[in-house]
């Protein structure tokens, strides 16, 4: 299997991680650069994504990191949208950027991607309450726990905030 050259550095970083057993850089049928990773039992996929984000130049990041039980022969066999997949899409709107800062602060993370899910990042009821307080105070919104839980990503929460602002 030939590896896309532009993922070599990212693959090398994860191969050196003690919580990774195998890595395969792949190119998806849609052209996306995919890094398939078989983790060790105690390694959280989002932590692997965060390690890459901190160690690799943004141009060398994969479009998607997919955690799998075994490496596939090609990218066509991967679910790049479901559980175990993590994107590297940075927040791109002012609201996404504001929310990413609040989420990172609340969850103790260096950064948060636009497609990250609050619960997948370790959010629970206590951090949700804090996150909602900070969000409502700083962004002058009235988000509820239901809003947070019904929106699948930071980008979706940002869209809720933007819609609420537009209608008021």
Protein backbone atom coordinates (compact mmCIF):
# COMPACT_ATOMS: atom_id res chain seq x y z
CA UNK A 1 0.00 0.00 0.00
CA UNK A 2 1.59 3.31 -1.00
CA UNK A 3 1.30 6.12 1.51
CA UNK A 4 0.56 9.70 0.51
CA UNK A 5 3.80 11.61 1.05
CA UNK A 6 2.04 14.50 2.78
CA UNK A 7 1.00 12.30 5.74
CA UNK A 8 4.41 10.80 6.45
CA UNK A 9 5.22 13.17 9.30
CA UNK A 10 1.83 12.69 10.97
CA UNK A 11 2.10 8.92 10.64
CA UNK A 12 5.61 8.98 12.12
CA UNK A 13 4.46 11.03 15.13
CA UNK A 14 1.69 8.55 15.90
CA UNK A 15 3.86 5.47 15.28
CA UNK A 16 6.13 6.76 18.06
CA UNK A 17 3.21 7.19 20.48
CA UNK A 18 3.19 4.42 23.12
CA UNK A 19 -0.59 4.11 22.86
CA UNK A 20 -0.61 3.26 19.14
CA UNK A 21 -0.07 -0.19 17.67
CA UNK A 22 -0.38 0.61 13.94
CA UNK A 23 -0.85 3.56 11.56
CA UNK A 24 -1.71 3.74 7.85
CA UNK A 25 -1.83 6.95 5.80
CA UNK A 26 -4.48 6.61 3.09
CA UNK A 27 -6.16 8.73 0.44
CA UNK A 28 -9.94 8.58 0.41
CA UNK A 29 -11.93 8.18 -2.81
CA UNK A 30 -12.98 11.83 -2.39
CA UNK A 31 -9.34 12.95 -2.16
CA UNK A 32 -9.32 13.46 1.60
CA UNK A 33 -6.10 12.59 3.41
CA UNK A 34 -6.95 9.95 6.00
CA UNK A 35 -4.80 8.57 8.79
CA UNK A 36 -6.07 5.20 10.08
CA UNK A 37 -4.83 4.36 13.58
CA UNK A 38 -5.10 1.24 15.72
CA UNK A 39 -4.88 2.51 19.30
CA UNK A 40 -3.79 0.79 22.47
CA UNK A 41 -6.60 0.09 24.93
CA UNK A 42 -6.03 3.12 27.17
CA UNK A 43 -5.56 5.71 24.43
CA UNK A 44 -8.48 8.04 23.66
CA UNK A 45 -8.81 8.89 19.96
CA UNK A 46 -9.24 12.60 20.67
CA UNK A 47 -5.94 12.56 22.58
CA UNK A 48 -4.19 11.15 19.51
CA UNK A 49 -5.75 13.90 17.42
CA UNK A 50 -4.61 16.51 19.93
CA UNK A 51 -1.05 15.13 19.91
CA UNK A 52 -0.93 15.46 16.14
CA UNK A 53 -2.37 18.95 16.30
CA UNK A 54 0.40 19.99 18.69
CA UNK A 55 3.29 18.22 16.93
CA UNK A 56 2.67 18.58 13.20
CA UNK A 57 2.59 21.58 10.90
CA UNK A 58 -1.03 22.34 9.90
CA UNK A 59 -0.27 21.54 6.24
CA UNK A 60 0.82 18.03 7.27
CA UNK A 61 -2.30 17.19 9.29
CA UNK A 62 -4.68 14.61 7.86
CA UNK A 63 -8.17 15.73 6.96
CA UNK A 64 -9.52 12.91 9.11
CA UNK A 65 -8.08 10.66 11.82
CA UNK A 66 -9.97 7.37 11.99
CA UNK A 67 -9.53 4.95 14.88
CA UNK A 68 -10.01 1.34 13.78
CA UNK A 69 -9.61 -2.15 15.23
CA UNK A 70 -7.46 -3.28 12.28
CA UNK A 71 -5.90 -1.44 9.37
CA UNK A 72 -7.92 -1.66 6.16
CA UNK A 73 -6.48 -2.46 2.75
CA UNK A 74 -7.74 0.89 1.45
CA UNK A 75 -9.72 3.93 2.58
CA UNK A 76 -12.96 2.75 0.96
CA UNK A 77 -13.52 0.42 3.94
CA UNK A 78 -13.37 3.24 6.51
CA UNK A 79 -16.25 5.08 8.16
CA UNK A 80 -14.79 8.59 8.18
CA UNK A 81 -17.95 10.20 9.54
CA UNK A 82 -18.90 7.93 12.43
CA UNK A 83 -17.67 7.29 15.95
CA UNK A 84 -13.91 6.98 16.10
CA UNK A 85 -13.31 9.58 13.41
CA UNK A 86 -11.91 12.99 14.21
CA UNK A 87 -11.46 15.92 11.88
CA UNK A 88 -8.93 18.71 12.03
CA UNK A 89 -11.27 21.48 10.84
CA UNK A 90 -10.39 24.58 12.78
CA UNK A 91 -13.15 26.97 13.90
CA UNK A 92 -13.74 29.34 10.99
CA UNK A 93 -16.37 31.86 12.10
CA UNK A 94 -16.13 34.38 14.93
CA UNK A 95 -18.78 32.48 16.90
CA UNK A 96 -17.00 29.14 16.38
CA UNK A 97 -13.73 30.74 17.52
CA UNK A 98 -15.38 32.21 20.64
CA UNK A 99 -17.02 28.88 21.48
CA UNK A 100 -13.80 26.95 20.86
CA UNK A 101 -12.04 29.17 23.39
CA UNK A 102 -14.80 28.59 25.97
CA UNK A 103 -14.90 24.84 25.33
CA UNK A 104 -11.10 24.53 25.57
CA UNK A 105 -11.10 26.48 28.83
CA UNK A 106 -13.97 24.48 30.31
CA UNK A 107 -12.69 21.08 29.20
CA UNK A 108 -9.01 21.73 29.91
CA UNK A 109 -7.94 21.27 26.28
CA UNK A 110 -5.37 23.14 24.25
CA UNK A 111 -7.80 23.57 21.35
CA UNK A 112 -11.13 22.34 20.06
CA UNK A 113 -12.04 21.54 16.44
CA UNK A 114 -15.17 22.87 14.78
CA UNK A 115 -16.58 19.36 14.41
CA UNK A 116 -15.86 18.24 17.98
CA UNK A 117 -18.70 16.97 20.15
CA UNK A 118 -18.85 18.17 23.76
CA UNK A 119 -19.48 14.68 25.14
CA UNK A 120 -16.70 13.10 23.04
CA UNK A 121 -14.26 15.58 24.58
CA UNK A 122 -15.11 14.37 28.07
CA UNK A 123 -17.92 16.78 28.84
CA UNK A 124 -20.36 15.80 31.58
CA UNK A 125 -23.24 17.45 33.44
CA UNK A 126 -20.95 19.49 35.69
CA UNK A 127 -18.83 20.83 32.84
CA UNK A 128 -21.97 21.40 30.77
CA UNK A 129 -23.34 23.71 33.48
CA UNK A 130 -20.08 25.66 33.60
CA UNK A 131 -19.82 25.77 29.82
CA UNK A 132 -23.37 27.08 29.48
CA UNK A 133 -22.80 29.74 32.14
CA UNK A 134 -19.64 30.97 30.42
CA UNK A 135 -21.20 30.82 26.96
CA UNK A 136 -24.36 32.65 27.97
CA UNK A 137 -22.38 35.30 29.84
CA UNK A 138 -19.67 35.92 27.25
CA UNK A 139 -21.76 35.57 24.10
CA UNK A 140 -24.95 37.05 25.59
CA UNK A 141 -27.05 34.03 24.67
CA UNK A 142 -29.66 31.89 26.40
CA UNK A 143 -28.45 28.40 25.47
CA UNK A 144 -29.89 25.51 27.44
CA UNK A 145 -28.58 22.05 28.23
CA UNK A 146 -31.00 20.74 25.61
CA UNK A 147 -29.44 23.01 23.00
CA UNK A 148 -25.96 21.77 23.86
CA UNK A 149 -26.95 18.11 23.80
CA UNK A 150 -29.04 18.36 20.63
CA UNK A 151 -26.26 20.01 18.61
CA UNK A 152 -23.75 17.38 17.45
CA UNK A 153 -20.72 19.68 17.25
CA UNK A 154 -19.20 22.99 18.22
CA UNK A 155 -20.09 24.25 14.72
CA UNK A 156 -23.73 23.26 15.26
CA UNK A 157 -23.82 25.08 18.62
CA UNK A 158 -22.30 28.13 16.90
CA UNK A 159 -25.05 27.97 14.27
CA UNK A 160 -27.66 27.95 17.07
CA UNK A 161 -26.05 31.02 18.62
CA UNK A 162 -25.89 32.82 15.27
CA UNK A 163 -29.55 32.02 14.50
CA UNK A 164 -30.64 33.25 17.93
CA UNK A 165 -28.68 36.48 17.47
CA UNK A 166 -30.17 37.02 14.00
CA UNK A 167 -33.74 36.57 15.26
CA UNK A 168 -33.40 38.98 18.19
